[in-house]
Amino acid sequence: MNILERIQKIPGGLLIVPMLLAAVINTVFPSFFQIGDPTTALFTSKGTMVLIGMILFISGTQLDVSQLLMTLKRAGVLCIVRIGIGWLGGWAFVHFFGIGGIGGISAAAFIAVLTSCNPGLYLALMNTYGDQVDRAAFGVLNLIAVPVIPLMILNSASGVGIDALSVLATLVPFLLGMLLGNLDGHIRGFFTPGTRILLPFLGISFGSNINLQIAFQSSLSGLLLTVLFMLLCLIPLVLVDRVILKRPGYAAAAVCSVAGLSMVVPAMAAELNPAYAPYVDQSIAQIAFAVILTSVSVPYIVKRLARKQIT
């Protein structure tokens, strides 16, 4: 009975499956996770920020700075465009619709998805379709995959401004991990499986705060959010890859998938600005929907673009 293998076959399954199981329990037995510590501390939002800090640290250990220079010309352009789309799109969204958003999509969900990037899926696709430079871009993508960018956009776009101390607090675990991982390759190897181990616990901490009745109401808005992401992010990036970088576009498409880690953004935004708190649960459900859809659709798009290059 290989439960782990079956879970891993599901896009984002290590985070999403535990999250859904915890959500079922929380919907049927709302007080189950509140029986007391250590259960409450480990499996609810009480421990979410600790888990996020650990994942940021581990992600930092996996970034090899020696790969940065050789990939900046290609991956750097895509990363700059991704960040630019996130900033402009986020500011425009908040300006026109406020933090409550439109169509059931809040600013927290919109900006978290628009700025999201899944380096793990990118690397898996480039191992099949890309070249050595494409694969080395994995290190650069980790720099934009951390939640600090959407948090900066959310704070500045909502008029709160950028809290430098909060940004620093988010960056410190990542930078510390990056320092240690580059000083000693054994440290990088030691922490390599760390994120995969922590993701199920993070999923449970999210799910323990989700009411499935709200989540089911978010399916249509989650689909709309994914379509907006594809229109605003994937199409422009593929055009940039083809017109400016003179590449086929498959690497740009591979950059445009929503990562499970982006589901931490609404909770972190609410910690920094309580105005986002009412939208956390629904935003997490919508982002989870986008994670699944992009994890399924992006590999197909990359395959098609890569085949066009070969032919």
C-alpha atoms as a PDB file:
ATOM      1  CA  MET A   1       0.000   0.000   0.000  1.00  0.00           C
ATOM      2  CA  ASN A   2       2.193   2.819  -1.319  1.00  0.00           C
ATOM      3  CA  ILE A   3       0.346   5.877  -0.025  1.00  0.00           C
ATOM      4  CA  LEU A   4       3.266   8.264  -0.593  1.00  0.00           C
ATOM      5  CA  GLU A   5       3.681   7.324  -4.250  1.00  0.00           C
ATOM      6  CA  ARG A   6       0.002   7.907  -4.931  1.00  0.00           C
ATOM      7  CA  ILE A   7       0.083  11.292  -3.220  1.00  0.00           C
ATOM      8  CA  GLN A   8       3.164  12.360  -5.187  1.00  0.00           C
ATOM      9  CA  LYS A   9       1.431  11.585  -8.482  1.00  0.00           C
ATOM     10  CA  ILE A  10      -1.029  14.381  -7.700  1.00  0.00           C
ATOM     11  CA  PRO A  11       0.269  17.850  -8.714  1.00  0.00           C
ATOM     12  CA  GLY A  12       1.265  19.578  -5.483  1.00  0.00           C
ATOM     13  CA  GLY A  13       0.008  16.505  -3.639  1.00  0.00           C
ATOM     14  CA  LEU A  14       2.440  16.680  -0.726  1.00  0.00           C
ATOM     15  CA  LEU A  15       0.824  19.942   0.345  1.00  0.00           C
ATOM     16  CA  ILE A  16      -2.655  19.756  -1.149  1.00  0.00           C
ATOM     17  CA  VAL A  17      -3.680  16.243   0.007  1.00  0.00           C
ATOM     18  CA  PRO A  18      -2.868  16.857   3.712  1.00  0.00           C
ATOM     19  CA  MET A  19      -4.532  20.271   3.413  1.00  0.00           C
ATOM     20  CA  LEU A  20      -7.750  18.757   2.051  1.00  0.00           C
ATOM     21  CA  LEU A  21      -7.784  15.990   4.681  1.00  0.00           C
ATOM     22  CA  ALA A  22      -7.318  18.551   7.437  1.00  0.00           C
ATOM     23  CA  ALA A  23     -10.029  20.722   5.878  1.00  0.00           C
ATOM     24  CA  VAL A  24     -12.464  17.780   5.950  1.00  0.00           C
ATOM     25  CA  ILE A  25     -11.701  17.182   9.615  1.00  0.00           C
ATOM     26  CA  ASN A  26     -12.048  20.883  10.433  1.00  0.00           C
ATOM     27  CA  THR A  27     -15.368  21.110   8.561  1.00  0.00           C
ATOM     28  CA  VAL A  28     -16.883  18.062  10.309  1.00  0.00           C
ATOM     29  CA  PHE A  29     -15.178  18.489  13.694  1.00  0.00           C
ATOM     30  CA  PRO A  30     -14.316  22.206  14.035  1.00  0.00           C
ATOM     31  CA  SER A  31     -12.761  21.840  17.488  1.00  0.00           C
ATOM     32  CA  PHE A  32     -10.611  18.779  16.744  1.00  0.00           C
ATOM     33  CA  PHE A  33      -7.362  20.692  16.166  1.00  0.00           C
ATOM     34  CA  GLN A  34      -7.936  22.902  19.218  1.00  0.00           C
ATOM     35  CA  ILE A  35      -7.525  20.151  21.825  1.00  0.00           C
ATOM     36  CA  GLY A  36      -4.271  21.679  23.069  1.00  0.00           C
ATOM     37  CA  ASP A  37      -0.521  21.673  22.523  1.00  0.00           C
ATOM     38  CA  PRO A  38       1.494  20.152  20.958  1.00  0.00           C
ATOM     39  CA  THR A  39      -1.299  19.108  18.576  1.00  0.00           C
ATOM     40  CA  THR A  40      -2.655  22.658  18.248  1.00  0.00           C
ATOM     41  CA  ALA A  41       0.810  24.175  17.901  1.00  0.00           C
ATOM     42  CA  LEU A  42       1.863  21.714  15.185  1.00  0.00           C
ATOM     43  CA  PHE A  43      -1.302  21.355  13.132  1.00  0.00           C
ATOM     44  CA  THR A  44      -2.893  24.832  13.184  1.00  0.00           C
ATOM     45  CA  SER A  45      -1.985  28.381  12.253  1.00  0.00           C
ATOM     46  CA  LYS A  46      -0.105  28.678  15.572  1.00  0.00           C
ATOM     47  CA  GLY A  47       2.818  26.911  13.930  1.00  0.00           C
ATOM     48  CA  THR A  48       2.414  28.176  10.349  1.00  0.00           C
ATOM     49  CA  MET A  49       5.020  30.926  10.569  1.00  0.00           C
ATOM     50  CA  VAL A  50       7.565  28.538  12.109  1.00  0.00           C
ATOM     51  CA  LEU A  51       7.067  26.101   9.237  1.00  0.00           C
ATOM     52  CA  ILE A  52       7.311  28.915   6.689  1.00  0.00           C
ATOM     53  CA  GLY A  53      10.567  30.113   8.252  1.00  0.00           C
ATOM     54  CA  MET A  54      12.015  26.606   8.077  1.00  0.00           C
ATOM     55  CA  ILE A  55      11.004  26.221   4.422  1.00  0.00           C
ATOM     56  CA  LEU A  56      12.559  29.599   3.566  1.00  0.00           C
ATOM     57  CA  PHE A  57      15.799  28.542   5.256  1.00  0.00           C
ATOM     58  CA  ILE A  58      15.885  25.196   3.422  1.00  0.00           C
ATOM     59  CA  SER A  59      15.072  26.868   0.085  1.00  0.00           C
ATOM     60  CA  GLY A  60      18.043  29.166   0.650  1.00  0.00           C
ATOM     61  CA  THR A  61      20.417  26.247   1.163  1.00  0.00           C
ATOM     62  CA  GLN A  62      19.495  24.929  -2.295  1.00  0.00           C
ATOM     63  CA  LEU A  63      20.491  28.116  -4.177  1.00  0.00           C
ATOM     64  CA  ASP A  64      23.946  27.758  -5.727  1.00  0.00           C
ATOM     65  CA  VAL A  65      25.277  31.297  -6.301  1.00  0.00           C
ATOM     66  CA  SER A  66      27.924  29.976  -8.704  1.00  0.00           C
ATOM     67  CA  GLN A  67      25.127  29.386 -11.208  1.00  0.00           C
ATOM     68  CA  LEU A  68      23.822  32.938 -11.126  1.00  0.00           C
ATOM     69  CA  LEU A  69      26.107  34.780 -13.563  1.00  0.00           C
ATOM     70  CA  MET A  70      25.908  32.226 -16.364  1.00  0.00           C
ATOM     71  CA  THR A  71      22.125  32.259 -16.341  1.00  0.00           C
ATOM     72  CA  LEU A  72      21.312  35.928 -15.709  1.00  0.00           C
ATOM     73  CA  LYS A  73      21.250  36.826 -19.396  1.00  0.00           C
ATOM     74  CA  ARG A  74      18.519  34.321 -20.161  1.00  0.00           C
ATOM     75  CA  ALA A  75      16.704  33.667 -16.897  1.00  0.00           C
ATOM     76  CA  GLY A  76      17.314  37.174 -15.552  1.00  0.00           C
ATOM     77  CA  VAL A  77      15.198  38.740 -18.302  1.00  0.00           C
ATOM     78  CA  LEU A  78      12.327  36.337 -17.606  1.00  0.00           C
ATOM     79  CA  CYS A  79      12.570  36.992 -13.856  1.00  0.00           C
ATOM     80  CA  ILE A  80      12.567  40.777 -14.339  1.00  0.00           C
ATOM     81  CA  VAL A  81       9.505  40.543 -16.573  1.00  0.00           C
ATOM     82  CA  ARG A  82       7.761  38.280 -14.046  1.00  0.00           C
ATOM     83  CA  ILE A  83       8.437  40.748 -11.232  1.00  0.00           C
ATOM     84  CA  GLY A  84       7.354  43.673 -13.426  1.00  0.00           C
ATOM     85  CA  ILE A  85       4.071  41.971 -14.297  1.00  0.00           C
ATOM     86  CA  GLY A  86       3.496  41.280 -10.601  1.00  0.00           C
ATOM     87  CA  TRP A  87       4.141  44.869  -9.544  1.00  0.00           C
ATOM     88  CA  LEU A  88       2.122  46.518 -12.315  1.00  0.00           C
ATOM     89  CA  GLY A  89      -0.705  43.983 -12.171  1.00  0.00           C
ATOM     90  CA  GLY A  90      -0.860  44.108  -8.377  1.00  0.00           C
ATOM     91  CA  TRP A  91      -0.906  47.895  -8.202  1.00  0.00           C
ATOM     92  CA  ALA A  92      -3.560  48.124 -10.910  1.00  0.00           C
ATOM     93  CA  PHE A  93      -5.732  45.497  -9.209  1.00  0.00           C
ATOM     94  CA  VAL A  94      -5.677  47.231  -5.822  1.00  0.00           C
ATOM     95  CA  HIS A  95      -6.150  50.656  -7.416  1.00  0.00           C
ATOM     96  CA  PHE A  96      -9.279  49.655  -9.329  1.00  0.00           C
ATOM     97  CA  PHE A  97     -10.810  46.994  -7.066  1.00  0.00           C
ATOM     98  CA  GLY A  98      -9.296  47.496  -3.592  1.00  0.00           C
ATOM     99  CA  ILE A  99      -7.960  44.723  -1.369  1.00  0.00           C
ATOM    100  CA  GLY A 100     -11.378  43.015  -1.433  1.00  0.00           C
ATOM    101  CA  GLY A 101     -10.991  42.543  -5.172  1.00  0.00           C
ATOM    102  CA  ILE A 102     -13.649  41.546  -7.688  1.00  0.00           C
ATOM    103  CA  GLY A 103     -15.463  38.358  -8.633  1.00  0.00           C
ATOM    104  CA  GLY A 104     -14.594  36.789  -5.290  1.00  0.00           C
ATOM    105  CA  ILE A 105     -10.859  37.230  -5.971  1.00  0.00           C
ATOM    106  CA  SER A 106      -9.090  39.315  -3.324  1.00  0.00           C
ATOM    107  CA  ALA A 107      -5.860  41.236  -3.826  1.00  0.00           C
ATOM    108  CA  ALA A 108      -4.040  38.681  -1.650  1.00  0.00           C
ATOM    109  CA  ALA A 109      -5.033  35.788  -3.927  1.00  0.00           C
ATOM    110  CA  PHE A 110      -4.475  37.699  -7.164  1.00  0.00           C
ATOM    111  CA  ILE A 111      -1.008  39.003  -6.304  1.00  0.00           C
ATOM    112  CA  ALA A 112       0.096  35.709  -4.710  1.00  0.00           C
ATOM    113  CA  VAL A 113      -0.739  33.855  -7.930  1.00  0.00           C
ATOM    114  CA  LEU A 114       0.519  36.519 -10.334  1.00  0.00           C
ATOM    115  CA  THR A 115       3.961  36.530  -8.692  1.00  0.00           C
ATOM    116  CA  SER A 116       4.152  32.777  -8.059  1.00  0.00           C
ATOM    117  CA  CYS A 117       6.749  30.521  -9.633  1.00  0.00           C
ATOM    118  CA  ASN A 118       7.352  26.799  -9.135  1.00  0.00           C
ATOM    119  CA  PRO A 119      11.114  26.177  -9.582  1.00  0.00           C
ATOM    120  CA  GLY A 120      10.660  22.460  -8.851  1.00  0.00           C
ATOM    121  CA  LEU A 121       8.269  21.933 -11.766  1.00  0.00           C
ATOM    122  CA  TYR A 122      10.465  24.139 -13.968  1.00  0.00           C
ATOM    123  CA  LEU A 123      13.524  21.999 -13.218  1.00  0.00           C
ATOM    124  CA  ALA A 124      11.627  18.780 -13.876  1.00  0.00           C
ATOM    125  CA  LEU A 125      10.508  20.095 -17.282  1.00  0.00           C
ATOM    126  CA  MET A 126      13.939  21.453 -18.217  1.00  0.00           C
ATOM    127  CA  ASN A 127      15.552  18.109 -17.388  1.00  0.00           C
ATOM    128  CA  THR A 128      13.430  16.751 -20.215  1.00  0.00           C
ATOM    129  CA  TYR A 129      13.216  19.605 -22.724  1.00  0.00           C
ATOM    130  CA  GLY A 130      15.877  22.203 -21.811  1.00  0.00           C
ATOM    131  CA  ASP A 131      19.624  22.661 -22.108  1.00  0.00           C
ATOM    132  CA  GLN A 132      22.292  23.203 -19.444  1.00  0.00           C
ATOM    133  CA  VAL A 133      21.641  26.952 -19.194  1.00  0.00           C
ATOM    134  CA  ASP A 134      17.898  26.341 -18.839  1.00  0.00           C
ATOM    135  CA  ARG A 135      18.543  23.929 -15.979  1.00  0.00           C
ATOM    136  CA  ALA A 136      20.978  26.317 -14.277  1.00  0.00           C
ATOM    137  CA  ALA A 137      18.199  28.948 -14.236  1.00  0.00           C
ATOM    138  CA  PHE A 138      16.662  26.965 -11.368  1.00  0.00           C
ATOM    139  CA  GLY A 139      18.949  28.862  -8.981  1.00  0.00           C
ATOM    140  CA  VAL A 140      17.761  32.263 -10.225  1.00  0.00           C
ATOM    141  CA  LEU A 141      14.100  31.260 -10.049  1.00  0.00           C
ATOM    142  CA  ASN A 142      14.463  30.449  -6.363  1.00  0.00           C
ATOM    143  CA  LEU A 143      15.170  34.144  -5.779  1.00  0.00           C
ATOM    144  CA  ILE A 144      11.696  35.149  -7.020  1.00  0.00           C
ATOM    145  CA  ALA A 145       9.869  32.120  -5.620  1.00  0.00           C
ATOM    146  CA  VAL A 146      10.022  33.282  -1.995  1.00  0.00           C
ATOM    147  CA  PRO A 147       6.945  35.099  -0.568  1.00  0.00           C
ATOM    148  CA  VAL A 148       8.762  38.375   0.089  1.00  0.00           C
ATOM    149  CA  ILE A 149       7.946  39.796  -3.375  1.00  0.00           C
ATOM    150  CA  PRO A 150       4.135  39.438  -3.192  1.00  0.00           C
ATOM    151  CA  LEU A 151       4.226  40.702   0.404  1.00  0.00           C
ATOM    152  CA  MET A 152       6.068  43.842  -0.677  1.00  0.00           C
ATOM    153  CA  ILE A 153       3.549  44.401  -3.481  1.00  0.00           C
ATOM    154  CA  LEU A 154       0.550  43.848  -1.193  1.00  0.00           C
ATOM    155  CA  ASN A 155       1.840  46.257   1.434  1.00  0.00           C
ATOM    156  CA  SER A 156       2.883  49.006  -0.941  1.00  0.00           C
ATOM    157  CA  ALA A 157      -0.197  48.728  -3.199  1.00  0.00           C
ATOM    158  CA  SER A 158      -2.598  48.924  -0.246  1.00  0.00           C
ATOM    159  CA  GLY A 159      -1.015  52.159   0.964  1.00  0.00           C
ATOM    160  CA  VAL A 160       0.676  50.641   4.021  1.00  0.00           C
ATOM    161  CA  GLY A 161       4.081  51.064   2.445  1.00  0.00           C
ATOM    162  CA  ILE A 162       6.952  48.637   2.543  1.00  0.00           C
ATOM    163  CA  ASP A 163       7.854  47.593   6.068  1.00  0.00           C
ATOM    164  CA  ALA A 164      11.592  47.115   5.746  1.00  0.00           C
ATOM    165  CA  LEU A 165      11.799  45.232   9.037  1.00  0.00           C
ATOM    166  CA  SER A 166       9.112  42.754   7.959  1.00  0.00           C
ATOM    167  CA  VAL A 167      10.855  42.239   4.622  1.00  0.00           C
ATOM    168  CA  LEU A 168      14.126  41.678   6.432  1.00  0.00           C
ATOM    169  CA  ALA A 169      12.476  39.211   8.799  1.00  0.00           C
ATOM    170  CA  THR A 170      11.263  37.233   5.795  1.00  0.00           C
ATOM    171  CA  LEU A 171      14.620  37.344   4.036  1.00  0.00           C
ATOM    172  CA  VAL A 172      16.837  36.431   6.992  1.00  0.00           C
ATOM    173  CA  PRO A 173      16.031  32.673   7.048  1.00  0.00           C
ATOM    174  CA  PHE A 174      16.453  32.459   3.260  1.00  0.00           C
ATOM    175  CA  LEU A 175      19.738  34.409   3.223  1.00  0.00           C
ATOM    176  CA  LEU A 176      21.121  32.453   6.164  1.00  0.00           C
ATOM    177  CA  GLY A 177      20.301  29.202   4.394  1.00  0.00           C
ATOM    178  CA  MET A 178      21.871  30.464   1.177  1.00  0.00           C
ATOM    179  CA  LEU A 179      25.067  31.434   3.037  1.00  0.00           C
ATOM    180  CA  LEU A 180      25.431  28.080   4.766  1.00  0.00           C
ATOM    181  CA  GLY A 181      24.507  26.081   1.673  1.00  0.00           C
ATOM    182  CA  ASN A 182      27.183  27.827  -0.391  1.00  0.00           C
ATOM    183  CA  LEU A 183      29.858  27.637   2.302  1.00  0.00           C
ATOM    184  CA  ASP A 184      29.455  23.890   2.596  1.00  0.00           C
ATOM    185  CA  GLY A 185      27.948  21.673  -0.107  1.00  0.00           C
ATOM    186  CA  HIS A 186      27.330  18.994   2.518  1.00  0.00           C
ATOM    187  CA  ILE A 187      24.859  21.351   4.209  1.00  0.00           C
ATOM    188  CA  ARG A 188      23.021  21.769   0.900  1.00  0.00           C
ATOM    189  CA  GLY A 189      22.863  18.003   0.505  1.00  0.00           C
ATOM    190  CA  PHE A 190      21.715  17.507   4.089  1.00  0.00           C
ATOM    191  CA  PHE A 191      18.748  19.857   3.667  1.00  0.00           C
ATOM    192  CA  THR A 192      17.807  18.771   0.116  1.00  0.00           C
ATOM    193  CA  PRO A 193      14.779  16.670   1.198  1.00  0.00           C
ATOM    194  CA  GLY A 194      13.744  19.176   3.872  1.00  0.00           C
ATOM    195  CA  THR A 195      11.043  21.034   1.950  1.00  0.00           C
ATOM    196  CA  ARG A 196       9.333  17.798   0.906  1.00  0.00           C
ATOM    197  CA  ILE A 197       9.243  16.713   4.543  1.00  0.00           C
ATOM    198  CA  LEU A 198       7.781  19.987   5.804  1.00  0.00           C
ATOM    199  CA  LEU A 199       5.179  20.512   3.064  1.00  0.00           C
ATOM    200  CA  PRO A 200       2.636  18.009   4.496  1.00  0.00           C
ATOM    201  CA  PHE A 201       2.783  19.731   7.897  1.00  0.00           C
ATOM    202  CA  LEU A 202       2.307  23.102   6.222  1.00  0.00           C
ATOM    203  CA  GLY A 203      -0.639  21.669   4.301  1.00  0.00           C
ATOM    204  CA  ILE A 204      -2.274  20.483   7.520  1.00  0.00           C
ATOM    205  CA  SER A 205      -1.774  23.883   9.164  1.00  0.00           C
ATOM    206  CA  PHE A 206      -3.581  25.500   6.209  1.00  0.00           C
ATOM    207  CA  GLY A 207      -6.342  22.906   6.034  1.00  0.00           C
ATOM    208  CA  SER A 208      -7.099  23.078   9.740  1.00  0.00           C
ATOM    209  CA  ASN A 209      -8.385  26.618   9.146  1.00  0.00           C
ATOM    210  CA  ILE A 210     -10.404  25.901   5.997  1.00  0.00           C
ATOM    211  CA  ASN A 211     -14.132  25.327   5.918  1.00  0.00           C
ATOM    212  CA  LEU A 212     -14.895  23.261   2.813  1.00  0.00           C
ATOM    213  CA  GLN A 213     -18.225  25.014   2.306  1.00  0.00           C
ATOM    214  CA  ILE A 214     -16.270  28.196   1.606  1.00  0.00           C
ATOM    215  CA  ALA A 215     -13.732  26.288  -0.482  1.00  0.00           C
ATOM    216  CA  PHE A 216     -16.385  24.785  -2.775  1.00  0.00           C
ATOM    217  CA  GLN A 217     -17.803  28.233  -3.328  1.00  0.00           C
ATOM    218  CA  SER A 218     -14.338  29.282  -4.567  1.00  0.00           C
ATOM    219  CA  SER A 219     -14.041  26.831  -7.488  1.00  0.00           C
ATOM    220  CA  LEU A 220     -15.359  29.241 -10.139  1.00  0.00           C
ATOM    221  CA  SER A 221     -13.316  32.146  -8.801  1.00  0.00           C
ATOM    222  CA  GLY A 222     -10.286  29.835  -8.645  1.00  0.00           C
ATOM    223  CA  LEU A 223     -10.779  28.999 -12.332  1.00  0.00           C
ATOM    224  CA  LEU A 224     -11.134  32.707 -13.168  1.00  0.00           C
ATOM    225  CA  LEU A 225      -7.959  33.437 -11.187  1.00  0.00           C
ATOM    226  CA  THR A 226      -6.048  30.788 -13.165  1.00  0.00           C
ATOM    227  CA  VAL A 227      -7.289  32.135 -16.508  1.00  0.00           C
ATOM    228  CA  LEU A 228      -6.211  35.661 -15.528  1.00  0.00           C
ATOM    229  CA  PHE A 229      -2.793  34.321 -14.540  1.00  0.00           C
ATOM    230  CA  MET A 230      -2.353  32.635 -17.914  1.00  0.00           C
ATOM    231  CA  LEU A 231      -3.423  35.746 -19.851  1.00  0.00           C
ATOM    232  CA  LEU A 232      -1.354  38.231 -17.848  1.00  0.00           C
ATOM    233  CA  CYS A 233       1.732  36.113 -17.233  1.00  0.00           C
ATOM    234  CA  LEU A 234       2.226  33.172 -19.590  1.00  0.00           C
ATOM    235  CA  ILE A 235       1.422  34.879 -22.904  1.00  0.00           C
ATOM    236  CA  PRO A 236       3.649  37.965 -22.321  1.00  0.00           C
ATOM    237  CA  LEU A 237       6.557  35.835 -21.082  1.00  0.00           C
ATOM    238  CA  VAL A 238       6.448  33.506 -24.080  1.00  0.00           C
ATOM    239  CA  LEU A 239       6.445  36.570 -26.373  1.00  0.00           C
ATOM    240  CA  VAL A 240       9.456  38.028 -24.517  1.00  0.00           C
ATOM    241  CA  ASP A 241      11.291  34.707 -24.784  1.00  0.00           C
ATOM    242  CA  ARG A 242      10.678  34.544 -28.526  1.00  0.00           C
ATOM    243  CA  VAL A 243      11.061  38.198 -29.549  1.00  0.00           C
ATOM    244  CA  ILE A 244      13.809  39.441 -27.194  1.00  0.00           C
ATOM    245  CA  LEU A 245      15.721  36.295 -26.266  1.00  0.00           C
ATOM    246  CA  LYS A 246      15.172  34.587 -29.633  1.00  0.00           C
ATOM    247  CA  ARG A 247      14.200  31.345 -27.877  1.00  0.00           C
ATOM    248  CA  PRO A 248      11.317  28.944 -28.597  1.00  0.00           C
ATOM    249  CA  GLY A 249       9.343  29.947 -25.488  1.00  0.00           C
ATOM    250  CA  TYR A 250       9.241  26.623 -23.643  1.00  0.00           C
ATOM    251  CA  ALA A 251      11.432  27.903 -20.791  1.00  0.00           C
ATOM    252  CA  ALA A 252       9.200  30.954 -20.367  1.00  0.00           C
ATOM    253  CA  ALA A 253       6.130  28.733 -20.235  1.00  0.00           C
ATOM    254  CA  ALA A 254       7.791  26.516 -17.626  1.00  0.00           C
ATOM    255  CA  VAL A 255       8.303  29.579 -15.406  1.00  0.00           C
ATOM    256  CA  CYS A 256       4.534  30.200 -15.391  1.00  0.00           C
ATOM    257  CA  SER A 257       3.239  27.634 -12.929  1.00  0.00           C
ATOM    258  CA  VAL A 258       1.779  28.403  -9.504  1.00  0.00           C
ATOM    259  CA  ALA A 259       3.710  26.910  -6.588  1.00  0.00           C
ATOM    260  CA  GLY A 260       2.175  25.424  -3.477  1.00  0.00           C
ATOM    261  CA  LEU A 261       4.374  27.761  -1.437  1.00  0.00           C
ATOM    262  CA  SER A 262       2.294  30.699  -2.702  1.00  0.00           C
ATOM    263  CA  MET A 263      -0.501  29.541  -0.407  1.00  0.00           C
ATOM    264  CA  VAL A 264       1.477  30.973   2.514  1.00  0.00           C
ATOM    265  CA  VAL A 265       1.155  34.521   1.138  1.00  0.00           C
ATOM    266  CA  PRO A 266      -2.394  35.367   2.359  1.00  0.00           C
ATOM    267  CA  ALA A 267      -1.607  34.253   5.920  1.00  0.00           C
ATOM    268  CA  MET A 268       1.678  36.181   5.942  1.00  0.00           C
ATOM    269  CA  ALA A 269      -0.036  39.248   4.483  1.00  0.00           C
ATOM    270  CA  ALA A 270      -2.656  39.111   7.248  1.00  0.00           C
ATOM    271  CA  GLU A 271       0.113  38.962   9.845  1.00  0.00           C
ATOM    272  CA  LEU A 272       1.600  42.178   8.447  1.00  0.00           C
ATOM    273  CA  ASN A 273      -1.713  43.911   7.686  1.00  0.00           C
ATOM    274  CA  PRO A 274      -4.922  42.757   9.483  1.00  0.00           C
ATOM    275  CA  ALA A 275      -7.006  44.173   6.609  1.00  0.00           C
ATOM    276  CA  TYR A 276      -6.214  41.000   4.633  1.00  0.00           C
ATOM    277  CA  ALA A 277      -7.377  38.643   7.397  1.00  0.00           C
ATOM    278  CA  PRO A 278     -11.005  38.206   6.178  1.00  0.00           C
ATOM    279  CA  TYR A 279      -9.767  36.921   2.813  1.00  0.00           C
ATOM    280  CA  VAL A 280      -7.188  34.358   3.964  1.00  0.00           C
ATOM    281  CA  ASP A 281      -9.241  31.135   3.876  1.00  0.00           C
ATOM    282  CA  GLN A 282     -10.906  31.814   0.545  1.00  0.00           C
ATOM    283  CA  SER A 283      -7.611  32.979  -0.993  1.00  0.00           C
ATOM    284  CA  ILE A 284      -5.869  29.759   0.045  1.00  0.00           C
ATOM    285  CA  ALA A 285      -8.633  27.690  -1.561  1.00  0.00           C
ATOM    286  CA  GLN A 286      -8.396  29.682  -4.805  1.00  0.00           C
ATOM    287  CA  ILE A 287      -4.607  29.455  -4.924  1.00  0.00           C
ATOM    288  CA  ALA A 288      -4.776  25.680  -4.338  1.00  0.00           C
ATOM    289  CA  PHE A 289      -7.106  25.452  -7.342  1.00  0.00           C
ATOM    290  CA  ALA A 290      -4.601  27.431  -9.444  1.00  0.00           C
ATOM    291  CA  VAL A 291      -1.731  25.203  -8.278  1.00  0.00           C
ATOM    292  CA  ILE A 292      -3.533  22.102  -9.538  1.00  0.00           C
ATOM    293  CA  LEU A 293      -4.634  23.607 -12.867  1.00  0.00           C
ATOM    294  CA  THR A 294      -1.237  25.082 -13.769  1.00  0.00           C
ATOM    295  CA  SER A 295       0.632  21.968 -12.655  1.00  0.00           C
ATOM    296  CA  VAL A 296      -1.446  19.982 -15.146  1.00  0.00           C
ATOM    297  CA  SER A 297      -1.599  22.467 -18.027  1.00  0.00           C
ATOM    298  CA  VAL A 298       1.918  23.967 -18.038  1.00  0.00           C
ATOM    299  CA  PRO A 299       3.779  20.686 -18.754  1.00  0.00           C
ATOM    300  CA  TYR A 300       1.511  20.160 -21.782  1.00  0.00           C
ATOM    301  CA  ILE A 301       2.204  23.704 -23.058  1.00  0.00           C
ATOM    302  CA  VAL A 302       5.963  23.276 -22.551  1.00  0.00           C
ATOM    303  CA  LYS A 303       5.884  19.988 -24.440  1.00  0.00           C
ATOM    304  CA  ARG A 304       4.095  21.568 -27.385  1.00  0.00           C
ATOM    305  CA  LEU A 305       6.528  24.514 -27.566  1.00  0.00           C
ATOM    306  CA  ALA A 306       9.564  22.230 -27.266  1.00  0.00           C
ATOM    307  CA  ARG A 307       8.259  20.005 -30.070  1.00  0.00           C
ATOM    308  CA  LYS A 308       7.892  23.045 -32.347  1.00  0.00           C
ATOM    309  CA  GLN A 309      11.590  23.802 -31.795  1.00  0.00           C
ATOM    310  CA  ILE A 310      12.567  20.256 -32.775  1.00  0.00           C
ATOM    311  CA  THR A 311      10.409  20.302 -35.893  1.00  0.00           C
END
